[in-house]
C-alpha atoms as a PDB file:
ATOM      1  CA  MET A   1     103.203 -12.308 135.773  1.00  0.00           C
ATOM      2  CA  PRO A   2     102.334  -9.518 133.309  1.00  0.00           C
ATOM      3  CA  THR A   3     101.739  -6.056 134.687  1.00  0.00           C
ATOM      4  CA  PHE A   4      98.570  -4.452 133.392  1.00  0.00           C
ATOM      5  CA  LEU A   5      98.053  -0.713 133.118  1.00  0.00           C
ATOM      6  CA  GLU A   6      94.664   0.775 133.863  1.00  0.00           C
ATOM      7  CA  SER A   7      92.759   1.499 130.659  1.00  0.00           C
ATOM      8  CA  LYS A   8      90.925   4.804 130.548  1.00  0.00           C
ATOM      9  CA  PRO A   9      88.029   5.625 128.234  1.00  0.00           C
ATOM     10  CA  ARG A  10      88.440   8.259 125.562  1.00  0.00           C
ATOM     11  CA  THR A  11      86.400  11.436 125.848  1.00  0.00           C
ATOM     12  CA  GLU A  12      84.289  10.660 122.786  1.00  0.00           C
ATOM     13  CA  SER A  13      83.609   7.163 124.183  1.00  0.00           C
ATOM     14  CA  ILE A  14      82.362   8.698 127.430  1.00  0.00           C
ATOM     15  CA  TRP A  15      80.048  10.968 125.442  1.00  0.00           C
ATOM     16  CA  ARG A  16      78.699   8.005 123.511  1.00  0.00           C
ATOM     17  CA  SER A  17      78.117   6.011 126.690  1.00  0.00           C
ATOM     18  CA  ILE A  18      75.832   8.811 127.928  1.00  0.00           C
ATOM     19  CA  ILE A  19      73.844   8.876 124.696  1.00  0.00           C
ATOM     20  CA  LEU A  20      73.778   5.153 123.936  1.00  0.00           C
ATOM     21  CA  PHE A  21      73.374   3.470 127.303  1.00  0.00           C
ATOM     22  CA  GLY A  22      70.940   3.538 130.166  1.00  0.00           C
ATOM     23  CA  ARG A  23      67.196   3.262 130.357  1.00  0.00           C
ATOM     24  CA  ASN A  24      65.286   6.384 129.371  1.00  0.00           C
ATOM     25  CA  VAL A  25      62.055   7.721 130.864  1.00  0.00           C
ATOM     26  CA  ALA A  26      62.070  10.951 128.824  1.00  0.00           C
ATOM     27  CA  SER A  27      63.829  12.276 125.736  1.00  0.00           C
ATOM     28  CA  TYR A  28      65.254  15.361 127.471  1.00  0.00           C
ATOM     29  CA  LYS A  29      68.771  13.874 127.585  1.00  0.00           C
ATOM     30  CA  PHE A  30      68.882  13.802 123.795  1.00  0.00           C
ATOM     31  CA  ALA A  31      67.642  17.384 123.515  1.00  0.00           C
ATOM     32  CA  LEU A  32      70.305  18.542 125.966  1.00  0.00           C
ATOM     33  CA  GLY A  33      72.949  16.496 124.146  1.00  0.00           C
ATOM     34  CA  LYS A  34      72.144  18.227 120.861  1.00  0.00           C
ATOM     35  CA  CYS A  35      72.341  21.619 122.600  1.00  0.00           C
ATOM     36  CA  LEU A  36      75.736  20.804 124.093  1.00  0.00           C
ATOM     37  CA  LEU A  37      77.156  19.826 120.707  1.00  0.00           C
ATOM     38  CA  GLU A  38      75.929  23.133 119.271  1.00  0.00           C
ATOM     39  CA  LEU A  39      77.643  24.978 122.130  1.00  0.00           C
ATOM     40  CA  ALA A  40      80.882  23.079 121.502  1.00  0.00           C
ATOM     41  CA  SER A  41      80.750  24.111 117.841  1.00  0.00           C
ATOM     42  CA  LYS A  42      80.519  27.747 118.916  1.00  0.00           C
ATOM     43  CA  GLU A  43      83.190  27.275 121.627  1.00  0.00           C
ATOM     44  CA  THR A  44      80.780  28.629 124.230  1.00  0.00           C
ATOM     45  CA  THR A  45      82.051  28.312 127.817  1.00  0.00           C
ATOM     46  CA  PHE A  46      78.967  29.422 129.770  1.00  0.00           C
ATOM     47  CA  ILE A  47      75.254  29.544 128.988  1.00  0.00           C
ATOM     48  CA  SER A  48      72.405  30.734 131.163  1.00  0.00           C
ATOM     49  CA  LEU A  49      69.243  28.646 131.523  1.00  0.00           C
ATOM     50  CA  GLU A  50      67.374  31.459 129.745  1.00  0.00           C
ATOM     51  CA  ASP A  51      69.591  31.063 126.681  1.00  0.00           C
ATOM     52  CA  LEU A  52      69.800  27.274 126.912  1.00  0.00           C
ATOM     53  CA  ALA A  53      66.001  27.079 127.034  1.00  0.00           C
ATOM     54  CA  VAL A  54      65.709  28.304 123.443  1.00  0.00           C
ATOM     55  CA  PRO A  55      67.527  25.464 121.590  1.00  0.00           C
ATOM     56  CA  PHE A  56      66.467  22.889 124.204  1.00  0.00           C
ATOM     57  CA  SER A  57      62.732  23.589 123.806  1.00  0.00           C
ATOM     58  CA  ARG A  58      63.152  23.888 120.034  1.00  0.00           C
ATOM     59  CA  ASN A  59      64.584  20.361 119.866  1.00  0.00           C
ATOM     60  CA  ILE A  60      61.725  18.982 121.969  1.00  0.00           C
ATOM     61  CA  ALA A  61      59.045  20.866 120.026  1.00  0.00           C
ATOM     62  CA  ASP A  62      60.451  19.690 116.687  1.00  0.00           C
ATOM     63  CA  HIS A  63      60.378  16.063 117.812  1.00  0.00           C
ATOM     64  CA  LEU A  64      56.841  16.396 119.147  1.00  0.00           C
ATOM     65  CA  LYS A  65      55.755  17.260 115.609  1.00  0.00           C
ATOM     66  CA  GLN A  66      56.915  13.858 114.333  1.00  0.00           C
ATOM     67  CA  CYS A  67      56.289  11.800 117.482  1.00  0.00           C
ATOM     68  CA  ASP A  68      54.047  12.984 120.310  1.00  0.00           C
ATOM     69  CA  LYS A  69      55.383  10.409 122.770  1.00  0.00           C
ATOM     70  CA  GLN A  70      58.475  11.923 124.413  1.00  0.00           C
ATOM     71  CA  ILE A  71      58.088  10.567 127.935  1.00  0.00           C
ATOM     72  CA  THR A  72      56.973   7.300 129.516  1.00  0.00           C
ATOM     73  CA  SER A  73      54.707   8.964 132.111  1.00  0.00           C
ATOM     74  CA  LYS A  74      51.158   9.988 131.196  1.00  0.00           C
ATOM     75  CA  ARG A  75      51.496  13.770 131.528  1.00  0.00           C
ATOM     76  CA  SER A  76      54.132  16.498 131.484  1.00  0.00           C
ATOM     77  CA  LYS A  77      53.391  20.186 131.994  1.00  0.00           C
ATOM     78  CA  PHE A  78      56.548  21.074 130.091  1.00  0.00           C
ATOM     79  CA  LEU A  79      55.608  18.940 127.076  1.00  0.00           C
ATOM     80  CA  ASP A  80      52.086  20.375 127.165  1.00  0.00           C
ATOM     81  CA  LYS A  81      53.614  23.859 126.861  1.00  0.00           C
ATOM     82  CA  CYS A  82      55.740  22.703 123.890  1.00  0.00           C
ATOM     83  CA  ARG A  83      52.591  21.336 122.240  1.00  0.00           C
ATOM     84  CA  GLU A  84      50.852  24.671 122.809  1.00  0.00           C
ATOM     85  CA  PHE A  85      53.790  26.405 121.132  1.00  0.00           C
ATOM     86  CA  ASN A  86      53.528  24.088 118.123  1.00  0.00           C
ATOM     87  CA  ARG A  87      49.822  24.929 117.837  1.00  0.00           C
ATOM     88  CA  GLY A  88      50.522  28.662 117.981  1.00  0.00           C
ATOM     89  CA  GLU A  89      48.864  28.993 121.398  1.00  0.00           C
ATOM     90  CA  CYS A  90      52.047  29.990 123.241  1.00  0.00           C
ATOM     91  CA  SER A  91      54.666  32.645 122.479  1.00  0.00           C
ATOM     92  CA  GLU A  92      58.422  32.040 122.372  1.00  0.00           C
ATOM     93  CA  ASP A  93      58.825  34.054 125.579  1.00  0.00           C
ATOM     94  CA  GLU A  94      56.210  31.922 127.350  1.00  0.00           C
ATOM     95  CA  LEU A  95      57.870  28.732 126.134  1.00  0.00           C
ATOM     96  CA  ARG A  96      61.277  29.960 127.283  1.00  0.00           C
ATOM     97  CA  SER A  97      59.934  30.831 130.717  1.00  0.00           C
ATOM     98  CA  SER A  98      58.231  27.438 131.084  1.00  0.00           C
ATOM     99  CA  THR A  99      61.370  25.635 129.944  1.00  0.00           C
ATOM    100  CA  VAL A 100      63.508  27.410 132.548  1.00  0.00           C
ATOM    101  CA  ARG A 101      60.941  26.560 135.232  1.00  0.00           C
ATOM    102  CA  LEU A 102      60.063  22.994 134.204  1.00  0.00           C
ATOM    103  CA  GLY A 103      62.330  21.624 131.485  1.00  0.00           C
ATOM    104  CA  PHE A 104      65.635  21.232 133.313  1.00  0.00           C
ATOM    105  CA  ASN A 105      64.424  19.856 136.658  1.00  0.00           C
ATOM    106  CA  ASN A 106      65.919  16.370 136.225  1.00  0.00           C
ATOM    107  CA  VAL A 107      67.977  16.269 133.050  1.00  0.00           C
ATOM    108  CA  ILE A 108      70.853  18.461 134.247  1.00  0.00           C
ATOM    109  CA  ASP A 109      71.293  16.301 137.360  1.00  0.00           C
ATOM    110  CA  ALA A 110      70.943  13.003 135.512  1.00  0.00           C
ATOM    111  CA  PHE A 111      72.829  13.703 132.266  1.00  0.00           C
ATOM    112  CA  HIS A 112      76.193  12.286 133.411  1.00  0.00           C
ATOM    113  CA  ILE A 113      74.731   9.193 135.092  1.00  0.00           C
ATOM    114  CA  VAL A 114      75.273   5.878 133.306  1.00  0.00           C
ATOM    115  CA  GLY A 115      74.205   2.740 135.111  1.00  0.00           C
ATOM    116  CA  GLN A 116      74.628   3.273 138.836  1.00  0.00           C
ATOM    117  CA  GLY A 117      77.323   5.938 138.723  1.00  0.00           C
ATOM    118  CA  GLU A 118      78.620   9.110 137.146  1.00  0.00           C
ATOM    119  CA  VAL A 119      80.930   9.017 134.128  1.00  0.00           C
ATOM    120  CA  PRO A 120      84.585   9.990 134.806  1.00  0.00           C
ATOM    121  CA  GLN A 121      84.451  13.208 132.762  1.00  0.00           C
ATOM    122  CA  ARG A 122      81.784  15.912 132.871  1.00  0.00           C
ATOM    123  CA  PHE A 123      80.779  17.893 129.805  1.00  0.00           C
ATOM    124  CA  PHE A 124      79.294  20.712 131.847  1.00  0.00           C
ATOM    125  CA  ILE A 125      79.261  21.924 135.453  1.00  0.00           C
ATOM    126  CA  ASP A 126      75.957  22.771 137.100  1.00  0.00           C
ATOM    127  CA  GLU A 127      76.049  26.444 138.137  1.00  0.00           C
ATOM    128  CA  ARG A 128      72.310  26.948 138.555  1.00  0.00           C
ATOM    129  CA  LYS A 129      72.563  28.035 142.175  1.00  0.00           C
ATOM    130  CA  ASP A 130      75.227  30.708 141.697  1.00  0.00           C
ATOM    131  CA  ARG A 131      74.852  31.798 138.061  1.00  0.00           C
ATOM    132  CA  ASN A 132      71.588  30.210 136.886  1.00  0.00           C
ATOM    133  CA  GLY A 133      73.306  28.343 134.092  1.00  0.00           C
ATOM    134  CA  ILE A 134      75.896  25.721 133.195  1.00  0.00           C
ATOM    135  CA  VAL A 135      79.633  25.979 132.544  1.00  0.00           C
ATOM    136  CA  ILE A 136      80.942  24.096 129.513  1.00  0.00           C
ATOM    137  CA  THR A 137      84.028  22.005 130.296  1.00  0.00           C
ATOM    138  CA  ASP A 138      87.189  21.401 128.309  1.00  0.00           C
ATOM    139  CA  SER A 139      86.023  17.806 127.804  1.00  0.00           C
ATOM    140  CA  LEU A 140      83.095  18.989 125.696  1.00  0.00           C
ATOM    141  CA  LEU A 141      85.164  21.537 123.805  1.00  0.00           C
ATOM    142  CA  SER A 142      87.820  18.899 123.073  1.00  0.00           C
ATOM    143  CA  LEU A 143      85.263  16.814 121.179  1.00  0.00           C
ATOM    144  CA  LYS A 144      85.312  19.450 118.456  1.00  0.00           C
ATOM    145  CA  GLU A 145      88.956  18.621 117.706  1.00  0.00           C
ATOM    146  CA  GLN A 146      88.097  15.026 116.774  1.00  0.00           C
ATOM    147  CA  LEU A 147      87.113  13.865 113.297  1.00  0.00           C
ATOM    148  CA  GLN A 148      84.243  12.003 114.941  1.00  0.00           C
ATOM    149  CA  PHE A 149      82.670  15.263 116.135  1.00  0.00           C
ATOM    150  CA  THR A 150      80.707  15.573 112.888  1.00  0.00           C
ATOM    151  CA  ASN A 151      79.123  12.176 113.564  1.00  0.00           C
ATOM    152  CA  LEU A 152      77.931  12.886 117.096  1.00  0.00           C
ATOM    153  CA  PRO A 153      74.808  14.967 116.276  1.00  0.00           C
ATOM    154  CA  PHE A 154      73.640  12.261 113.871  1.00  0.00           C
ATOM    155  CA  GLU A 155      74.127   9.607 116.550  1.00  0.00           C
ATOM    156  CA  VAL A 156      72.111  11.574 119.124  1.00  0.00           C
ATOM    157  CA  GLU A 157      69.281  12.047 116.633  1.00  0.00           C
ATOM    158  CA  ALA A 158      69.283   8.382 115.637  1.00  0.00           C
ATOM    159  CA  ARG A 159      69.149   7.183 119.228  1.00  0.00           C
ATOM    160  CA  TRP A 160      66.333   9.638 119.953  1.00  0.00           C
ATOM    161  CA  ARG A 161      64.302   8.381 116.986  1.00  0.00           C
ATOM    162  CA  LEU A 162      64.719   4.765 118.037  1.00  0.00           C
ATOM    163  CA  VAL A 163      63.590   5.447 121.599  1.00  0.00           C
ATOM    164  CA  GLU A 164      60.586   7.600 120.741  1.00  0.00           C
ATOM    165  CA  THR A 165      59.444   5.136 118.063  1.00  0.00           C
ATOM    166  CA  ALA A 166      59.387   2.316 120.600  1.00  0.00           C
ATOM    167  CA  TRP A 167      57.347   4.454 122.994  1.00  0.00           C
ATOM    168  CA  SER A 168      54.927   5.663 120.341  1.00  0.00           C
ATOM    169  CA  LEU A 169      54.124   2.181 119.039  1.00  0.00           C
ATOM    170  CA  ASN A 170      52.999   1.242 122.562  1.00  0.00           C
ATOM    171  CA  ILE A 171      53.807  -2.409 122.070  1.00  0.00           C
ATOM    172  CA  SER A 172      56.127  -4.799 123.831  1.00  0.00           C
ATOM    173  CA  PRO A 173      59.728  -4.336 122.653  1.00  0.00           C
ATOM    174  CA  LYS A 174      59.785  -8.075 121.996  1.00  0.00           C
ATOM    175  CA  LEU A 175      57.246  -7.516 119.242  1.00  0.00           C
ATOM    176  CA  LEU A 176      59.095  -4.596 117.682  1.00  0.00           C
ATOM    177  CA  GLU A 177      60.966  -5.572 114.540  1.00  0.00           C
ATOM    178  CA  VAL A 178      63.451  -2.993 113.245  1.00  0.00           C
ATOM    179  CA  ARG A 179      64.426  -3.658 109.645  1.00  0.00           C
ATOM    180  CA  TYR A 180      66.803  -2.246 107.045  1.00  0.00           C
ATOM    181  CA  ASP A 181      65.789  -0.740 103.714  1.00  0.00           C
ATOM    182  CA  THR A 182      68.552  -1.614 101.267  1.00  0.00           C
ATOM    183  CA  ASP A 183      67.548   1.062  98.772  1.00  0.00           C
ATOM    184  CA  GLY A 184      67.079   4.013 101.116  1.00  0.00           C
ATOM    185  CA  HIS A 185      69.700   2.933 103.697  1.00  0.00           C
ATOM    186  CA  PHE A 186      67.414   3.597 106.639  1.00  0.00           C
ATOM    187  CA  LEU A 187      65.877   1.594 109.473  1.00  0.00           C
ATOM    188  CA  TYR A 188      62.141   1.159 109.802  1.00  0.00           C
ATOM    189  CA  ALA A 189      59.688  -0.579 112.098  1.00  0.00           C
ATOM    190  CA  GLU A 190      56.914  -2.779 110.785  1.00  0.00           C
ATOM    191  CA  THR A 191      54.226  -3.723 113.283  1.00  0.00           C
ATOM    192  CA  ASP A 192      51.786  -5.350 110.868  1.00  0.00           C
ATOM    193  CA  GLN A 193      51.290  -5.729 107.136  1.00  0.00           C
ATOM    194  CA  PHE A 194      49.759  -2.257 106.839  1.00  0.00           C
ATOM    195  CA  ARG A 195      52.013  -0.157 109.055  1.00  0.00           C
ATOM    196  CA  ARG A 196      55.588   0.776 108.251  1.00  0.00           C
ATOM    197  CA  ILE A 197      57.345   3.575 110.177  1.00  0.00           C
ATOM    198  CA  ASN A 198      60.644   5.006 108.968  1.00  0.00           C
ATOM    199  CA  ILE A 199      62.906   5.545 111.978  1.00  0.00           C
ATOM    200  CA  THR A 200      66.381   6.770 111.138  1.00  0.00           C
ATOM    201  CA  SER A 201      69.430   6.401 108.933  1.00  0.00           C
ATOM    202  CA  SER A 202      71.142   3.051 109.435  1.00  0.00           C
ATOM    203  CA  ARG A 203      74.539   4.777 109.375  1.00  0.00           C
ATOM    204  CA  ASP A 204      73.561   7.131 112.178  1.00  0.00           C
ATOM    205  CA  SER A 205      72.282   4.269 114.335  1.00  0.00           C
ATOM    206  CA  LEU A 206      75.238   1.929 113.915  1.00  0.00           C
ATOM    207  CA  ASN A 207      78.103   4.393 113.937  1.00  0.00           C
ATOM    208  CA  GLY A 208      78.232   5.089 117.666  1.00  0.00           C
ATOM    209  CA  TYR A 209      78.736   1.426 118.476  1.00  0.00           C
ATOM    210  CA  GLN A 210      81.730   1.251 116.129  1.00  0.00           C
ATOM    211  CA  LYS A 211      83.140   4.475 117.585  1.00  0.00           C
ATOM    212  CA  GLY A 212      83.404   6.012 114.134  1.00  0.00           C
ATOM    213  CA  LYS A 213      85.743   3.326 112.796  1.00  0.00           C
ATOM    214  CA  CYS A 214      85.483   0.908 109.881  1.00  0.00           C
ATOM    215  CA  PHE A 215      84.388  -2.494 111.169  1.00  0.00           C
ATOM    216  CA  TYR A 216      87.265  -4.178 109.337  1.00  0.00           C
ATOM    217  CA  CYS A 217      90.341  -1.941 109.112  1.00  0.00           C
ATOM    218  CA  ARG A 218      89.527   0.655 111.818  1.00  0.00           C
ATOM    219  CA  ARG A 219      89.958   3.645 109.507  1.00  0.00           C
ATOM    220  CA  GLU A 220      88.002   6.725 110.531  1.00  0.00           C
ATOM    221  CA  ILE A 221      84.578   6.939 108.878  1.00  0.00           C
ATOM    222  CA  VAL A 222      81.775   9.510 108.989  1.00  0.00           C
ATOM    223  CA  VAL A 223      78.020   9.416 108.445  1.00  0.00           C
ATOM    224  CA  ASP A 224      77.650  12.942 107.042  1.00  0.00           C
ATOM    225  CA  ASP A 225      77.208  12.747 103.262  1.00  0.00           C
ATOM    226  CA  THR A 226      78.831  16.177 102.876  1.00  0.00           C
ATOM    227  CA  GLU A 227      82.159  14.397 103.491  1.00  0.00           C
ATOM    228  CA  PRO A 228      82.072  11.836 100.648  1.00  0.00           C
ATOM    229  CA  ASP A 229      85.730  10.789 100.981  1.00  0.00           C
ATOM    230  CA  HIS A 230      85.153   9.406 104.493  1.00  0.00           C
ATOM    231  CA  LEU A 231      81.477   8.437 104.149  1.00  0.00           C
ATOM    232  CA  SER A 232      80.870   4.923 105.380  1.00  0.00           C
ATOM    233  CA  ASP A 233      79.174   2.131 103.465  1.00  0.00           C
ATOM    234  CA  VAL A 234      76.490  -0.019 105.086  1.00  0.00           C
ATOM    235  CA  ASP A 235      77.874  -3.501 104.544  1.00  0.00           C
ATOM    236  CA  HIS A 236      76.137  -6.857 104.857  1.00  0.00           C
ATOM    237  CA  PHE A 237      78.645  -8.989 106.788  1.00  0.00           C
ATOM    238  CA  PHE A 238      77.219 -12.044 105.028  1.00  0.00           C
ATOM    239  CA  PRO A 239      76.662 -10.736 101.474  1.00  0.00           C
ATOM    240  CA  HIS A 240      73.269  -9.473 100.374  1.00  0.00           C
ATOM    241  CA  ILE A 241      73.371 -11.696  97.274  1.00  0.00           C
ATOM    242  CA  LEU A 242      72.568 -14.609  99.596  1.00  0.00           C
ATOM    243  CA  ALA A 243      69.082 -13.280 100.383  1.00  0.00           C
ATOM    244  CA  PRO A 244      67.259 -15.132  97.577  1.00  0.00           C
ATOM    245  CA  ILE A 245      69.367 -18.267  98.161  1.00  0.00           C
ATOM    246  CA  MET A 246      68.678 -18.318 101.911  1.00  0.00           C
ATOM    247  CA  PRO A 247      65.075 -17.040 102.212  1.00  0.00           C
ATOM    248  CA  ASP A 248      64.767 -18.422 105.748  1.00  0.00           C
ATOM    249  CA  VAL A 249      67.510 -16.053 106.999  1.00  0.00           C
ATOM    250  CA  ASN A 250      66.993 -12.322 107.476  1.00  0.00           C
ATOM    251  CA  ILE A 251      70.125 -11.191 105.632  1.00  0.00           C
ATOM    252  CA  ASP A 252      68.931  -7.572 105.941  1.00  0.00           C
ATOM    253  CA  GLY A 253      68.665  -7.915 109.727  1.00  0.00           C
ATOM    254  CA  ILE A 254      70.455  -5.520 112.053  1.00  0.00           C
ATOM    255  CA  TRP A 255      72.555  -8.451 113.274  1.00  0.00           C
ATOM    256  CA  ASN A 256      74.207  -8.645 109.824  1.00  0.00           C
ATOM    257  CA  LEU A 257      74.817  -4.922 109.183  1.00  0.00           C
ATOM    258  CA  VAL A 258      78.118  -3.163 109.855  1.00  0.00           C
ATOM    259  CA  LEU A 259      79.706   0.081 108.686  1.00  0.00           C
ATOM    260  CA  ALA A 260      82.767  -0.233 106.475  1.00  0.00           C
ATOM    261  CA  CYS A 261      85.046   2.262 104.792  1.00  0.00           C
ATOM    262  CA  GLN A 262      84.772   2.483 101.025  1.00  0.00           C
ATOM    263  CA  GLN A 263      88.190   0.897 100.548  1.00  0.00           C
ATOM    264  CA  CYS A 264      87.320  -2.251 102.510  1.00  0.00           C
ATOM    265  CA  ASN A 265      83.852  -2.590 101.076  1.00  0.00           C
ATOM    266  CA  ARG A 266      84.436  -1.903  97.378  1.00  0.00           C
ATOM    267  CA  GLY A 267      88.000  -0.716  96.780  1.00  0.00           C
ATOM    268  CA  VAL A 268      90.932  -2.609  95.294  1.00  0.00           C
ATOM    269  CA  GLY A 269      91.117  -5.884  97.208  1.00  0.00           C
ATOM    270  CA  GLY A 270      87.832  -5.030  98.912  1.00  0.00           C
ATOM    271  CA  LYS A 271      85.299  -7.390 100.425  1.00  0.00           C
ATOM    272  CA  PHE A 272      82.525  -7.118  97.836  1.00  0.00           C
ATOM    273  CA  GLU A 273      80.671 -10.484  98.033  1.00  0.00           C
ATOM    274  CA  SER A 274      83.277 -12.363 100.061  1.00  0.00           C
ATOM    275  CA  ILE A 275      83.026 -13.869 103.549  1.00  0.00           C
ATOM    276  CA  PRO A 276      85.224 -12.212 106.208  1.00  0.00           C
ATOM    277  CA  ILE A 277      87.814 -14.242 108.108  1.00  0.00           C
ATOM    278  CA  VAL A 278      86.730 -15.810 111.399  1.00  0.00           C
ATOM    279  CA  LYS A 279      88.136 -13.096 113.662  1.00  0.00           C
ATOM    280  CA  PHE A 280      85.542 -10.727 112.192  1.00  0.00           C
ATOM    281  CA  LEU A 281      82.787 -13.257 112.869  1.00  0.00           C
ATOM    282  CA  GLU A 282      83.869 -13.127 116.507  1.00  0.00           C
ATOM    283  CA  LYS A 283      83.845  -9.340 116.310  1.00  0.00           C
ATOM    284  CA  LEU A 284      80.330  -9.376 114.834  1.00  0.00           C
ATOM    285  CA  HIS A 285      79.151 -11.445 117.794  1.00  0.00           C
ATOM    286  CA  THR A 286      80.813  -9.020 120.206  1.00  0.00           C
ATOM    287  CA  ARG A 287      79.202  -6.063 118.430  1.00  0.00           C
ATOM    288  CA  ASN A 288      75.762  -7.677 118.606  1.00  0.00           C
ATOM    289  CA  GLU A 289      76.169  -8.402 122.313  1.00  0.00           C
ATOM    290  CA  TYR A 290      77.197  -4.771 122.761  1.00  0.00           C
ATOM    291  CA  LEU A 291      74.019  -3.613 121.022  1.00  0.00           C
ATOM    292  CA  ILE A 292      71.930  -5.963 123.149  1.00  0.00           C
ATOM    293  CA  SER A 293      73.418  -4.479 126.316  1.00  0.00           C
ATOM    294  CA  SER A 294      72.258  -0.974 125.343  1.00  0.00           C
ATOM    295  CA  HIS A 295      68.578  -1.556 126.178  1.00  0.00           C
ATOM    296  CA  HIS A 296      66.862   0.112 123.219  1.00  0.00           C
ATOM    297  CA  PRO A 297      64.805  -1.327 120.320  1.00  0.00           C
ATOM    298  CA  LEU A 298      67.829  -2.718 118.507  1.00  0.00           C
ATOM    299  CA  ARG A 299      68.391  -4.958 121.525  1.00  0.00           C
ATOM    300  CA  GLU A 300      65.098  -6.776 121.133  1.00  0.00           C
ATOM    301  CA  THR A 301      65.392  -6.836 117.351  1.00  0.00           C
ATOM    302  CA  ILE A 302      68.741  -8.650 117.468  1.00  0.00           C
ATOM    303  CA  ILE A 303      67.473 -11.049 120.134  1.00  0.00           C
ATOM    304  CA  ASN A 304      64.461 -11.805 117.946  1.00  0.00           C
ATOM    305  CA  GLN A 305      66.687 -12.360 114.926  1.00  0.00           C
ATOM    306  CA  THR A 306      69.512 -14.386 116.477  1.00  0.00           C
ATOM    307  CA  GLY A 307      68.502 -15.994 119.776  1.00  0.00           C
ATOM    308  CA  THR A 308      67.335 -15.410 123.324  1.00  0.00           C
ATOM    309  CA  ASN A 309      70.672 -16.054 125.045  1.00  0.00           C
ATOM    310  CA  THR A 310      74.372 -15.781 124.280  1.00  0.00           C
ATOM    311  CA  ARG A 311      74.828 -19.490 123.548  1.00  0.00           C
ATOM    312  CA  LYS A 312      71.985 -19.501 121.023  1.00  0.00           C
ATOM    313  CA  ARG A 313      73.353 -16.386 119.341  1.00  0.00           C
ATOM    314  CA  ILE A 314      76.800 -17.936 119.004  1.00  0.00           C
ATOM    315  CA  ASP A 315      75.273 -21.097 117.542  1.00  0.00           C
ATOM    316  CA  PHE A 316      73.194 -19.002 115.139  1.00  0.00           C
ATOM    317  CA  LEU A 317      76.227 -17.168 113.750  1.00  0.00           C
ATOM    318  CA  GLN A 318      78.213 -20.410 113.516  1.00  0.00           C
ATOM    319  CA  MET A 319      75.371 -22.086 111.616  1.00  0.00           C
ATOM    320  CA  ILE A 320      75.050 -19.161 109.183  1.00  0.00           C
ATOM    321  CA  ASP A 321      78.804 -19.055 108.650  1.00  0.00           C
ATOM    322  CA  GLN A 322      78.877 -22.766 107.792  1.00  0.00           C
ATOM    323  CA  ARG A 323      75.997 -22.462 105.344  1.00  0.00           C
ATOM    324  CA  VAL A 324      77.526 -19.427 103.687  1.00  0.00           C
ATOM    325  CA  ILE A 325      81.048 -20.789 103.399  1.00  0.00           C
ATOM    326  CA  ASP A 326      79.586 -23.854 101.684  1.00  0.00           C
ATOM    327  CA  LEU A 327      78.153 -21.477  99.072  1.00  0.00           C
ATOM    328  CA  ILE A 328      81.083 -19.028  98.813  1.00  0.00           C
ATOM    329  CA  PRO A 329      84.120 -21.149  99.766  1.00  0.00           C
ATOM    330  CA  TYR A 330      86.774 -18.505 100.426  1.00  0.00           C
ATOM    331  CA  ARG A 331      87.399 -15.823 103.014  1.00  0.00           C
ATOM    332  CA  TRP A 332      88.476 -12.187 102.863  1.00  0.00           C
ATOM    333  CA  SER A 333      90.550  -9.942 105.106  1.00  0.00           C
ATOM    334  CA  PRO A 334      91.518  -6.266 104.674  1.00  0.00           C
ATOM    335  CA  PRO A 335      94.581  -5.726 102.446  1.00  0.00           C
ATOM    336  CA  GLU A 336      96.310  -4.045 105.396  1.00  0.00           C
ATOM    337  CA  ASP A 337      94.980  -5.923 108.416  1.00  0.00           C
ATOM    338  CA  ASN A 338      95.169  -3.536 111.353  1.00  0.00           C
ATOM    339  CA  ASP A 339      95.960  -4.896 114.806  1.00  0.00           C
ATOM    340  CA  ASP A 340      94.383  -1.904 116.562  1.00  0.00           C
ATOM    341  CA  PRO A 341      93.827  -2.994 120.210  1.00  0.00           C
ATOM    342  CA  GLU A 342      90.228  -1.764 120.008  1.00  0.00           C
ATOM    343  CA  SER A 343      89.417  -3.801 116.945  1.00  0.00           C
END
């Protein structure tokens, strides 16, 4: 009998689980997440609620300008104060005071909760009773040492935009269709023939689920275009050239989009318009099921595009693969196929 060792999640994976998973009733978790990443950048080890209130309320106020729906309940005194600030009816000192009094009531307690329990590492310690602030932990500071740290703010923002868009449309998630713009490389929602709402960069939305790795070779990738050498490509798993040949299939659907490094997508021996080997088809299915489990608009979009249960989604991918391989009868794999255990 083999002896298995207990697998432990990486710190950046724990961070992503907080941001990506769980049902949200307010956007405060995202605002706090952005603040924490700023504090990690500055290597801050303690921050009072007075000081934390400034960037926290700024993040909320900025998002209210583009989407007024930041909570599922009907009213929020804290959000009303942020709206007053945006209208020039409230000073920065008044907003700070209201944020300290109202803004942190639940989010500090709930930040580390995923599902029914608390994550195994904390990114801050609640010191409100003794010091009226929070202590930043080594776990948060250690994120800064990872290449993926530059991606994390983009991922928080993308998740926030997806959630608030779903709330603001005020329609059943089953009717929400998130689509991909191949020219602008962003996701948008289209609720009828007259209404199109740009949501977020496709890179920012997909990256967290790939843990900052190329879908094919597992090289590190980033979503920040100031780092062009590592910038990921948005790749159509089944090539985009098939769109006019297969008009009944949404080739631009989220289900068919992955992030790839430049070498795999368009380098020497790259994928280009080829069909990946079957192990990557299995990985695509796993990725889609992972997205579905995250309970945000991409979940319903992929269900709408591929099937209402796991068996139907498997059959859908198998059917597409057969049709495509009949059109492009050869398969591709990365020049240096990586057997990374997480791949």
